Every structure is written in C-alpha cells, then in structure tokens.
Amino acid sequence: MFTELSPGRRELLRVLADLLTTADFQSWPYGSDLQKRFTERGLPGTRPALRAYVGLPTEGEDPTAPLPDPWEALRNP
C-alpha cells in the first residue's frame, strides 16, 4: 500500500507517475520492461493506475484499462 512506503519512495513514485507516459509502460518491442518491473513489485502496471495509486489525476484515462496490444496491427484478421 502506498501509505506504507517510506516518504522517499512515495515521492519517487509520484515523480515517476507524473513523468512517465503510457508508451513507457508498453512492453517490448515498442516500449520497455517497466510494466513488468512495476507489477513484479506489486505496483500498478499502467500509467493511469500508477497515477491513481499515488493520488494524481488520471486525466480521463481509465485506471483499470489494460495496456493496448502492441502486436494488434500485425495480426492476421
């Protein structure tokens, strides 16, 4: 839980939630393994969910929405 984290960790997560974009949470090949690293540590794995977790506005984004599939455009119909 966010309130159980040290003040330094809470501030770091607030800064990350403010700076990271949705694309930063995309998995490879279009992004990074950030989403995996966050979820392995019990943290939210999307930008809006992280923003909601730290108490920042989600700017109209759904915190419960999954990340888009980066391969969707390449899949056969």
PDB file of N, CA and C in Angstrom:
ATOM      1  N   MET A   1       0.837  -1.175   0.000  1.00  0.00           N
ATOM      2  CA  MET A   1       0.000   0.000   0.000  1.00  0.00           C
ATOM      3  C   MET A   1       0.887   1.245   0.000  1.00  0.00           C
ATOM      4  N   PHE A   2       0.436   2.246  -0.713  1.00  0.00           N
ATOM      5  CA  PHE A   2       1.212   3.468  -0.914  1.00  0.00           C
ATOM      6  C   PHE A   2       1.564   4.154   0.413  1.00  0.00           C
ATOM      7  N   THR A   3       0.626   4.217   1.322  1.00  0.00           N
ATOM      8  CA  THR A   3       0.871   4.920   2.587  1.00  0.00           C
ATOM      9  C   THR A   3       1.891   4.208   3.464  1.00  0.00           C
ATOM     10  N   GLU A   4       2.134   2.947   3.210  1.00  0.00           N
ATOM     11  CA  GLU A   4       3.107   2.185   3.998  1.00  0.00           C
ATOM     12  C   GLU A   4       4.536   2.362   3.496  1.00  0.00           C
ATOM     13  N   LEU A   5       4.697   2.966   2.324  1.00  0.00           N
ATOM     14  CA  LEU A   5       6.034   3.193   1.776  1.00  0.00           C
ATOM     15  C   LEU A   5       6.718   4.336   2.514  1.00  0.00           C
ATOM     16  N   SER A   6       8.041   4.341   2.470  1.00  0.00           N
ATOM     17  CA  SER A   6       8.798   5.438   3.078  1.00  0.00           C
ATOM     18  C   SER A   6       8.502   6.733   2.319  1.00  0.00           C
ATOM     19  N   PRO A   7       8.698   7.881   2.963  1.00  0.00           N
ATOM     20  CA  PRO A   7       8.444   9.149   2.271  1.00  0.00           C
ATOM     21  C   PRO A   7       9.240   9.283   0.972  1.00  0.00           C
ATOM     22  N   GLY A   8      10.468   8.834   0.955  1.00  0.00           N
ATOM     23  CA  GLY A   8      11.282   8.920  -0.255  1.00  0.00           C
ATOM     24  C   GLY A   8      10.718   8.082  -1.384  1.00  0.00           C
ATOM     25  N   ARG A   9      10.241   6.892  -1.073  1.00  0.00           N
ATOM     26  CA  ARG A   9       9.652   6.023  -2.105  1.00  0.00           C
ATOM     27  C   ARG A   9       8.334   6.587  -2.611  1.00  0.00           C
ATOM     28  N   ARG A  10       7.546   7.146  -1.703  1.00  0.00           N
ATOM     29  CA  ARG A  10       6.287   7.770  -2.139  1.00  0.00           C
ATOM     30  C   ARG A  10       6.571   8.924  -3.091  1.00  0.00           C
ATOM     31  N   GLU A  11       7.548   9.746  -2.758  1.00  0.00           N
ATOM     32  CA  GLU A  11       7.880  10.885  -3.619  1.00  0.00           C
ATOM     33  C   GLU A  11       8.415  10.403  -4.968  1.00  0.00           C
ATOM     34  N   LEU A  12       9.258   9.380  -4.962  1.00  0.00           N
ATOM     35  CA  LEU A  12       9.785   8.836  -6.214  1.00  0.00           C
ATOM     36  C   LEU A  12       8.646   8.332  -7.096  1.00  0.00           C
ATOM     37  N   LEU A  13       7.696   7.601  -6.523  1.00  0.00           N
ATOM     38  CA  LEU A  13       6.568   7.102  -7.313  1.00  0.00           C
ATOM     39  C   LEU A  13       5.711   8.248  -7.839  1.00  0.00           C
ATOM     40  N   ARG A  14       5.531   9.303  -7.044  1.00  0.00           N
ATOM     41  CA  ARG A  14       4.774  10.466  -7.524  1.00  0.00           C
ATOM     42  C   ARG A  14       5.462  11.112  -8.724  1.00  0.00           C
ATOM     43  N   VAL A  15       6.785  11.258  -8.634  1.00  0.00           N
ATOM     44  CA  VAL A  15       7.528  11.859  -9.738  1.00  0.00           C
ATOM     45  C   VAL A  15       7.432  10.978 -10.983  1.00  0.00           C
ATOM     46  N   LEU A  16       7.618   9.670 -10.811  1.00  0.00           N
ATOM     47  CA  LEU A  16       7.514   8.758 -11.949  1.00  0.00           C
ATOM     48  C   LEU A  16       6.108   8.790 -12.555  1.00  0.00           C
ATOM     49  N   ALA A  17       5.098   8.789 -11.708  1.00  0.00           N
ATOM     50  CA  ALA A  17       3.714   8.821 -12.200  1.00  0.00           C
ATOM     51  C   ALA A  17       3.441  10.103 -12.968  1.00  0.00           C
ATOM     52  N   ASP A  18       4.106  11.180 -12.583  1.00  0.00           N
ATOM     53  CA  ASP A  18       3.908  12.448 -13.257  1.00  0.00           C
ATOM     54  C   ASP A  18       4.666  12.520 -14.583  1.00  0.00           C
ATOM     55  N   LEU A  19       5.830  11.882 -14.657  1.00  0.00           N
ATOM     56  CA  LEU A  19       6.689  11.994 -15.838  1.00  0.00           C
ATOM     57  C   LEU A  19       6.474  10.907 -16.890  1.00  0.00           C
ATOM     58  N   LEU A  20       6.151   9.700 -16.467  1.00  0.00           N
ATOM     59  CA  LEU A  20       6.024   8.591 -17.414  1.00  0.00           C
ATOM     60  C   LEU A  20       4.796   8.743 -18.298  1.00  0.00           C
ATOM     61  N   THR A  21       4.898   8.246 -19.501  1.00  0.00           N
ATOM     62  CA  THR A  21       3.776   8.268 -20.433  1.00  0.00           C
ATOM     63  C   THR A  21       3.214   6.860 -20.574  1.00  0.00           C
ATOM     64  N   THR A  22       2.088   6.754 -21.221  1.00  0.00           N
ATOM     65  CA  THR A  22       1.502   5.435 -21.473  1.00  0.00           C
ATOM     66  C   THR A  22       2.463   4.577 -22.278  1.00  0.00           C
ATOM     67  N   ALA A  23       3.168   5.173 -23.218  1.00  0.00           N
ATOM     68  CA  ALA A  23       4.119   4.430 -24.047  1.00  0.00           C
ATOM     69  C   ALA A  23       5.254   3.842 -23.219  1.00  0.00           C
ATOM     70  N   ASP A  24       5.621   4.486 -22.122  1.00  0.00           N
ATOM     71  CA  ASP A  24       6.685   3.956 -21.270  1.00  0.00           C
ATOM     72  C   ASP A  24       6.304   2.616 -20.653  1.00  0.00           C
ATOM     73  N   PHE A  25       5.028   2.357 -20.524  1.00  0.00           N
ATOM     74  CA  PHE A  25       4.568   1.103 -19.929  1.00  0.00           C
ATOM     75  C   PHE A  25       4.340   0.005 -20.963  1.00  0.00           C
ATOM     76  N   GLN A  26       4.456   0.342 -22.250  1.00  0.00           N
ATOM     77  CA  GLN A  26       4.296  -0.664 -23.297  1.00  0.00           C
ATOM     78  C   GLN A  26       5.451  -1.663 -23.233  1.00  0.00           C
ATOM     79  N   SER A  27       5.138  -2.888 -23.501  1.00  0.00           N
ATOM     80  CA  SER A  27       6.184  -3.915 -23.495  1.00  0.00           C
ATOM     81  C   SER A  27       6.999  -3.849 -24.776  1.00  0.00           C
ATOM     82  N   TRP A  28       8.133  -4.488 -24.755  1.00  0.00           N
ATOM     83  CA  TRP A  28       8.989  -4.564 -25.923  1.00  0.00           C
ATOM     84  C   TRP A  28       8.187  -5.201 -27.046  1.00  0.00           C
ATOM     85  N   PRO A  29       8.261  -4.828 -28.255  1.00  0.00           N
ATOM     86  CA  PRO A  29       9.298  -4.066 -28.925  1.00  0.00           C
ATOM     87  C   PRO A  29       9.058  -2.565 -28.940  1.00  0.00           C
ATOM     88  N   TYR A  30       7.891  -2.091 -28.486  1.00  0.00           N
ATOM     89  CA  TYR A  30       7.578  -0.671 -28.601  1.00  0.00           C
ATOM     90  C   TYR A  30       7.901   0.118 -27.340  1.00  0.00           C
ATOM     91  N   GLY A  31       8.208  -0.543 -26.278  1.00  0.00           N
ATOM     92  CA  GLY A  31       8.459   0.155 -25.032  1.00  0.00           C
ATOM     93  C   GLY A  31       9.599  -0.471 -24.261  1.00  0.00           C
ATOM     94  N   SER A  32       9.342  -0.747 -23.000  1.00  0.00           N
ATOM     95  CA  SER A  32      10.381  -1.285 -22.130  1.00  0.00           C
ATOM     96  C   SER A  32       9.778  -2.385 -21.276  1.00  0.00           C
ATOM     97  N   ASP A  33      10.553  -2.858 -20.311  1.00  0.00           N
ATOM     98  CA  ASP A  33      10.020  -3.850 -19.384  1.00  0.00           C
ATOM     99  C   ASP A  33       9.563  -3.180 -18.089  1.00  0.00           C
ATOM    100  N   LEU A  34       9.273  -1.884 -18.149  1.00  0.00           N
ATOM    101  CA  LEU A  34       8.849  -1.137 -16.977  1.00  0.00           C
ATOM    102  C   LEU A  34       7.571  -1.712 -16.373  1.00  0.00           C
ATOM    103  N   GLN A  35       6.610  -2.034 -17.213  1.00  0.00           N
ATOM    104  CA  GLN A  35       5.346  -2.599 -16.715  1.00  0.00           C
ATOM    105  C   GLN A  35       5.612  -3.882 -15.941  1.00  0.00           C
ATOM    106  N   LYS A  36       6.473  -4.727 -16.459  1.00  0.00           N
ATOM    107  CA  LYS A  36       6.810  -5.977 -15.789  1.00  0.00           C
ATOM    108  C   LYS A  36       7.493  -5.703 -14.452  1.00  0.00           C
ATOM    109  N   ARG A  37       8.432  -4.769 -14.437  1.00  0.00           N
ATOM    110  CA  ARG A  37       9.152  -4.441 -13.203  1.00  0.00           C
ATOM    111  C   ARG A  37       8.221  -3.884 -12.138  1.00  0.00           C
ATOM    112  N   PHE A  38       7.290  -3.052 -12.543  1.00  0.00           N
ATOM    113  CA  PHE A  38       6.350  -2.491 -11.578  1.00  0.00           C
ATOM    114  C   PHE A  38       5.455  -3.591 -10.998  1.00  0.00           C
ATOM    115  N   THR A  39       4.870  -4.411 -11.867  1.00  0.00           N
ATOM    116  CA  THR A  39       3.935  -5.424 -11.380  1.00  0.00           C
ATOM    117  C   THR A  39       4.633  -6.496 -10.550  1.00  0.00           C
ATOM    118  N   GLU A  40       5.884  -6.801 -10.844  1.00  0.00           N
ATOM    119  CA  GLU A  40       6.628  -7.770 -10.026  1.00  0.00           C
ATOM    120  C   GLU A  40       6.784  -7.281  -8.583  1.00  0.00           C
ATOM    121  N   ARG A  41       6.755  -5.970  -8.407  1.00  0.00           N
ATOM    122  CA  ARG A  41       6.914  -5.384  -7.075  1.00  0.00           C
ATOM    123  C   ARG A  41       5.578  -4.999  -6.440  1.00  0.00           C
ATOM    124  N   GLY A  42       4.494  -5.442  -7.066  1.00  0.00           N
ATOM    125  CA  GLY A  42       3.177  -5.175  -6.517  1.00  0.00           C
ATOM    126  C   GLY A  42       2.664  -3.770  -6.791  1.00  0.00           C
ATOM    127  N   LEU A  43       3.266  -3.090  -7.756  1.00  0.00           N
ATOM    128  CA  LEU A  43       2.840  -1.741  -8.113  1.00  0.00           C
ATOM    129  C   LEU A  43       1.960  -1.793  -9.362  1.00  0.00           C
ATOM    130  N   PRO A  44       1.158  -0.765  -9.579  1.00  0.00           N
ATOM    131  CA  PRO A  44       0.319  -0.733 -10.780  1.00  0.00           C
ATOM    132  C   PRO A  44       1.163  -0.764 -12.054  1.00  0.00           C
ATOM    133  N   GLY A  45       0.660  -1.424 -13.076  1.00  0.00           N
ATOM    134  CA  GLY A  45       1.418  -1.613 -14.305  1.00  0.00           C
ATOM    135  C   GLY A  45       0.992  -0.758 -15.471  1.00  0.00           C
ATOM    136  N   THR A  46       0.167   0.265 -15.230  1.00  0.00           N
ATOM    137  CA  THR A  46      -0.197   1.196 -16.290  1.00  0.00           C
ATOM    138  C   THR A  46      -0.058   2.616 -15.755  1.00  0.00           C
ATOM    139  N   ARG A  47       0.085   3.571 -16.659  1.00  0.00           N
ATOM    140  CA  ARG A  47       0.231   4.966 -16.247  1.00  0.00           C
ATOM    141  C   ARG A  47      -0.970   5.466 -15.445  1.00  0.00           C
ATOM    142  N   PRO A  48      -2.210   5.293 -15.942  1.00  0.00           N
ATOM    143  CA  PRO A  48      -3.333   5.806 -15.162  1.00  0.00           C
ATOM    144  C   PRO A  48      -3.486   5.107 -13.809  1.00  0.00           C
ATOM    145  N   ALA A  49      -3.198   3.807 -13.761  1.00  0.00           N
ATOM    146  CA  ALA A  49      -3.302   3.094 -12.487  1.00  0.00           C
ATOM    147  C   ALA A  49      -2.243   3.585 -11.508  1.00  0.00           C
ATOM    148  N   LEU A  50      -1.033   3.856 -11.992  1.00  0.00           N
ATOM    149  CA  LEU A  50       0.015   4.382 -11.120  1.00  0.00           C
ATOM    150  C   LEU A  50      -0.363   5.770 -10.634  1.00  0.00           C
ATOM    151  N   ARG A  51      -0.887   6.601 -11.524  1.00  0.00           N
ATOM    152  CA  ARG A  51      -1.306   7.950 -11.120  1.00  0.00           C
ATOM    153  C   ARG A  51      -2.406   7.882 -10.064  1.00  0.00           C
ATOM    154  N   ALA A  52      -3.361   7.006 -10.235  1.00  0.00           N
ATOM    155  CA  ALA A  52      -4.422   6.849  -9.240  1.00  0.00           C
ATOM    156  C   ALA A  52      -3.842   6.340  -7.918  1.00  0.00           C
ATOM    157  N   TYR A  53      -2.903   5.421  -7.988  1.00  0.00           N
ATOM    158  CA  TYR A  53      -2.264   4.833  -6.807  1.00  0.00           C
ATOM    159  C   TYR A  53      -1.583   5.896  -5.941  1.00  0.00           C
ATOM    160  N   VAL A  54      -0.927   6.866  -6.590  1.00  0.00           N
ATOM    161  CA  VAL A  54      -0.206   7.895  -5.837  1.00  0.00           C
ATOM    162  C   VAL A  54      -1.064   9.130  -5.570  1.00  0.00           C
ATOM    163  N   GLY A  55      -2.317   9.138  -6.051  1.00  0.00           N
ATOM    164  CA  GLY A  55      -3.218  10.233  -5.760  1.00  0.00           C
ATOM    165  C   GLY A  55      -3.192  11.369  -6.770  1.00  0.00           C
ATOM    166  N   LEU A  56      -2.646  11.123  -7.957  1.00  0.00           N
ATOM    167  CA  LEU A  56      -2.644  12.133  -9.017  1.00  0.00           C
ATOM    168  C   LEU A  56      -3.849  11.915  -9.918  1.00  0.00           C
ATOM    169  N   PRO A  57      -4.325  12.972 -10.591  1.00  0.00           N
ATOM    170  CA  PRO A  57      -5.448  12.793 -11.516  1.00  0.00           C
ATOM    171  C   PRO A  57      -5.050  11.899 -12.687  1.00  0.00           C
ATOM    172  N   THR A  58      -6.014  11.145 -13.167  1.00  0.00           N
ATOM    173  CA  THR A  58      -5.750  10.232 -14.283  1.00  0.00           C
ATOM    174  C   THR A  58      -6.054  10.871 -15.628  1.00  0.00           C
ATOM    175  N   GLU A  59      -6.442  12.129 -15.637  1.00  0.00           N
ATOM    176  CA  GLU A  59      -6.647  12.893 -16.869  1.00  0.00           C
ATOM    177  C   GLU A  59      -7.576  12.190 -17.854  1.00  0.00           C
ATOM    178  N   GLY A  60      -8.656  11.636 -17.362  1.00  0.00           N
ATOM    179  CA  GLY A  60      -9.634  10.991 -18.216  1.00  0.00           C
ATOM    180  C   GLY A  60      -9.276   9.583 -18.642  1.00  0.00           C
ATOM    181  N   GLU A  61      -8.137   9.061 -18.190  1.00  0.00           N
ATOM    182  CA  GLU A  61      -7.746   7.696 -18.533  1.00  0.00           C
ATOM    183  C   GLU A  61      -8.369   6.725 -17.533  1.00  0.00           C
ATOM    184  N   ASP A  62      -8.695   5.548 -17.997  1.00  0.00           N
ATOM    185  CA  ASP A  62      -9.287   4.524 -17.136  1.00  0.00           C
ATOM    186  C   ASP A  62      -8.182   3.758 -16.425  1.00  0.00           C
ATOM    187  N   PRO A  63      -8.065   3.892 -15.084  1.00  0.00           N
ATOM    188  CA  PRO A  63      -7.003   3.188 -14.357  1.00  0.00           C
ATOM    189  C   PRO A  63      -7.109   1.674 -14.408  1.00  0.00           C
ATOM    190  N   THR A  64      -8.277   1.153 -14.779  1.00  0.00           N
ATOM    191  CA  THR A  64      -8.433  -0.300 -14.828  1.00  0.00           C
ATOM    192  C   THR A  64      -8.246  -0.860 -16.238  1.00  0.00           C
ATOM    193  N   ALA A  65      -8.054   0.006 -17.222  1.00  0.00           N
ATOM    194  CA  ALA A  65      -7.900  -0.448 -18.612  1.00  0.00           C
ATOM    195  C   ALA A  65      -6.550  -1.137 -18.804  1.00  0.00           C
ATOM    196  N   PRO A  66      -6.537  -2.256 -19.508  1.00  0.00           N
ATOM    197  CA  PRO A  66      -5.255  -2.917 -19.789  1.00  0.00           C
ATOM    198  C   PRO A  66      -4.461  -2.142 -20.838  1.00  0.00           C
ATOM    199  N   LEU A  67      -3.191  -2.441 -20.931  1.00  0.00           N
ATOM    200  CA  LEU A  67      -2.365  -1.837 -21.965  1.00  0.00           C
ATOM    201  C   LEU A  67      -2.798  -2.353 -23.331  1.00  0.00           C
ATOM    202  N   PRO A  68      -2.732  -1.514 -24.355  1.00  0.00           N
ATOM    203  CA  PRO A  68      -3.048  -1.993 -25.701  1.00  0.00           C
ATOM    204  C   PRO A  68      -2.039  -3.051 -26.158  1.00  0.00           C
ATOM    205  N   ASP A  69      -2.487  -3.921 -27.031  1.00  0.00           N
ATOM    206  CA  ASP A  69      -1.624  -4.963 -27.577  1.00  0.00           C
ATOM    207  C   ASP A  69      -0.734  -4.357 -28.661  1.00  0.00           C
ATOM    208  N   PRO A  70       0.597  -4.300 -28.443  1.00  0.00           N
ATOM    209  CA  PRO A  70       1.464  -3.674 -29.446  1.00  0.00           C
ATOM    210  C   PRO A  70       1.532  -4.445 -30.756  1.00  0.00           C
ATOM    211  N   TRP A  71       1.107  -5.686 -30.771  1.00  0.00           N
ATOM    212  CA  TRP A  71       1.156  -6.516 -31.985  1.00  0.00           C
ATOM    213  C   TRP A  71      -0.160  -6.529 -32.740  1.00  0.00           C
ATOM    214  N   GLU A  72      -1.178  -5.870 -32.223  1.00  0.00           N
ATOM    215  CA  GLU A  72      -2.509  -5.945 -32.816  1.00  0.00           C
ATOM    216  C   GLU A  72      -2.525  -5.577 -34.305  1.00  0.00           C
ATOM    217  N   ALA A  73      -1.792  -4.553 -34.693  1.00  0.00           N
ATOM    218  CA  ALA A  73      -1.781  -4.120 -36.092  1.00  0.00           C
ATOM    219  C   ALA A  73      -1.154  -5.152 -37.020  1.00  0.00           C
ATOM    220  N   LEU A  74      -0.330  -6.037 -36.483  1.00  0.00           N
ATOM    221  CA  LEU A  74       0.353  -7.026 -37.304  1.00  0.00           C
ATOM    222  C   LEU A  74      -0.329  -8.382 -37.342  1.00  0.00           C
ATOM    223  N   ARG A  75      -1.361  -8.552 -36.541  1.00  0.00           N
ATOM    224  CA  ARG A  75      -2.072  -9.838 -36.503  1.00  0.00           C
ATOM    225  C   ARG A  75      -2.933  -9.987 -37.735  1.00  0.00           C
ATOM    226  N   ASN A  76      -3.112 -11.220 -38.184  1.00  0.00           N
ATOM    227  CA  ASN A  76      -3.995 -11.510 -39.314  1.00  0.00           C
ATOM    228  C   ASN A  76      -5.446 -11.424 -38.851  1.00  0.00           C
ATOM    229  N   PRO A  77      -6.314 -10.828 -39.671  1.00  0.00           N
ATOM    230  CA  PRO A  77      -7.733 -10.719 -39.280  1.00  0.00           C
ATOM    231  C   PRO A  77      -8.437 -12.049 -39.292  1.00  0.00           C
TER     232      PRO A  77
END
